[in-house]
Amino acid sequence: YIRMVFFPFLYFIYLFTGIPDGGHVLFYGRMWEGESMKDKLDGALSVAVSVATAGTLWHNMGTSDFAVVCMAPWTVMGFWLFMVTYLQHHSDDGKLYTDDTFTFEKGAFETVE
């Protein structure tokens, strides 16, 4: 139960710091290696639009309405996304592919559904 209380915070930390693949908000790590400046600027624009939208909604709705209308669904979506990703990558017969052996077709058929 205690882990579930920390989930929204841990998900935010994952998005912000990007451990282990690189930041989704701060552009560093494996996720951004070799990416063009245009891709990084597109990412920065996406972050700016998302933060501005959330800030505007929070300001106009107030804290309690924002928490119910925006944060609660975001937390549920984040939990669902986390669990689906976890289940797809953690099964007894799951295979580990490297960059040399992975194809999208192999990955699709190895997904635990």
Foldseek 3Di string as FASTA:
>chain_A
DVVLVCQVVVLVCCQAQVPPAGHLADGDHPVNPPPDVVVVVVSNVVNVVVVVVLVVCCVVVPDVRCCVVPVVVVSVVSVVVVVQVVQQQDDPPADDDDPVGDDVVVSVVSGDD
